[in-house]
Protein backbone atom coordinates (compact mmCIF):
# COMPACT_ATOMS: atom_id res chain seq x y z
CA MET A 1 87.81 109.31 103.89
CA ALA A 2 88.81 109.00 107.54
CA ALA A 3 87.37 107.09 110.47
CA ILE A 4 88.04 106.71 114.18
CA ASN A 5 88.60 103.07 115.08
CA ALA A 6 87.37 101.40 118.30
CA ASP A 7 90.90 101.64 119.78
CA GLY A 8 90.97 105.43 119.17
CA SER A 9 93.35 105.28 116.19
CA ILE A 10 92.50 107.27 113.05
CA ALA A 11 92.27 105.50 109.68
CA ALA A 12 92.55 107.40 106.40
CA LYS A 13 92.58 106.39 102.74
CA VAL A 14 95.42 108.00 100.77
CA GLY A 15 96.13 107.67 97.05
CA TRP A 16 99.70 107.65 95.73
CA TRP A 17 101.08 107.92 92.19
CA ARG A 18 104.11 105.74 91.37
CA GLY A 19 106.04 107.26 88.49
CA MET A 20 108.44 104.33 88.42
CA SER A 21 107.94 100.59 88.72
CA GLY A 22 108.22 99.01 92.13
CA THR A 23 106.51 98.24 95.40
CA LEU A 24 105.36 101.15 97.53
CA VAL A 25 106.62 100.99 101.13
CA ILE A 26 105.18 103.48 103.63
CA SER A 27 106.49 104.45 107.06
CA GLY A 28 105.50 107.16 109.49
CA ARG A 29 106.33 108.61 112.87
CA ARG A 30 104.85 111.16 115.21
CA LEU A 31 107.00 114.31 115.41
CA ASP A 32 105.47 116.06 118.43
CA GLY A 33 105.41 113.23 120.98
CA GLY A 34 105.75 109.56 121.58
CA ALA A 35 103.51 107.10 119.76
CA PRO A 36 103.65 103.70 118.10
CA PRO A 37 104.58 103.90 114.40
CA LEU A 38 102.05 104.48 111.67
CA ARG A 39 100.45 101.34 110.22
CA ALA A 40 100.08 101.15 106.43
CA ASP A 41 98.05 98.83 104.23
CA VAL A 42 99.25 98.73 100.60
CA PRO A 43 96.90 96.36 98.76
CA GLU A 44 98.08 94.27 95.81
CA GLY A 45 96.41 94.23 92.42
CA TYR A 46 97.28 97.69 91.10
CA GLY A 47 100.32 96.76 89.01
CA SER A 48 103.85 97.97 89.62
CA GLN A 49 103.39 101.56 88.40
CA GLY A 50 100.73 104.28 88.43
CA PHE A 51 97.92 104.77 90.97
CA GLN A 52 98.16 102.95 94.33
CA PRO A 53 95.45 103.34 96.97
CA THR A 54 96.52 102.81 100.58
CA GLY A 55 95.11 102.79 104.06
CA LEU A 56 97.04 104.65 106.76
CA THR A 57 96.30 104.18 110.46
CA PHE A 58 97.58 106.82 112.85
CA PRO A 59 97.70 105.43 116.42
CA THR A 60 97.24 108.89 117.97
CA THR A 61 96.43 112.46 117.07
CA GLY A 62 99.36 114.82 116.54
CA CYS A 63 101.90 115.91 113.95
CA TRP A 64 102.95 112.98 111.74
CA GLU A 65 105.70 112.56 109.13
CA VAL A 66 104.75 110.04 106.43
CA THR A 67 107.24 108.69 103.86
CA GLY A 68 106.46 106.59 100.81
CA LYS A 69 109.30 104.87 98.94
CA VAL A 70 109.52 103.08 95.59
CA GLY A 71 113.04 101.96 94.76
CA ASP A 72 115.38 104.93 95.26
CA ALA A 73 112.55 107.50 95.00
CA GLU A 74 110.73 108.79 98.05
CA LEU A 75 108.11 111.35 99.02
CA THR A 76 107.70 112.69 102.54
CA PHE A 77 104.87 114.86 103.84
CA VAL A 78 103.84 116.14 107.27
CA VAL A 79 100.22 116.13 108.39
CA THR A 80 98.35 117.14 111.54
CA VAL A 81 95.97 114.38 112.61
CA SER A 82 93.05 115.40 114.81
CA LYS A 83 89.63 114.18 115.84
CA ILE A 84 86.72 116.48 115.07
CA THR A 85 83.67 116.19 117.27
CA THR A 86 80.31 117.53 116.23
């Protein structure tokens, strides 16, 4: 699910799988221009391992690099964020 917030930022729900115990820490940056950093909400209550839902807020459209870290393990992906009008 994704939504456009009143300030123009784009919010998306993203699920992660933690194969090791620890707290998920998420960071992100826009690769194709200047922008404030990604904001991430990692709610508590899902234990220290396994499925972890998150909310990511991209301040602008563009090409974004997102990195999730648990302990020494990390996963990075790149995504294009855009607004679709109908």
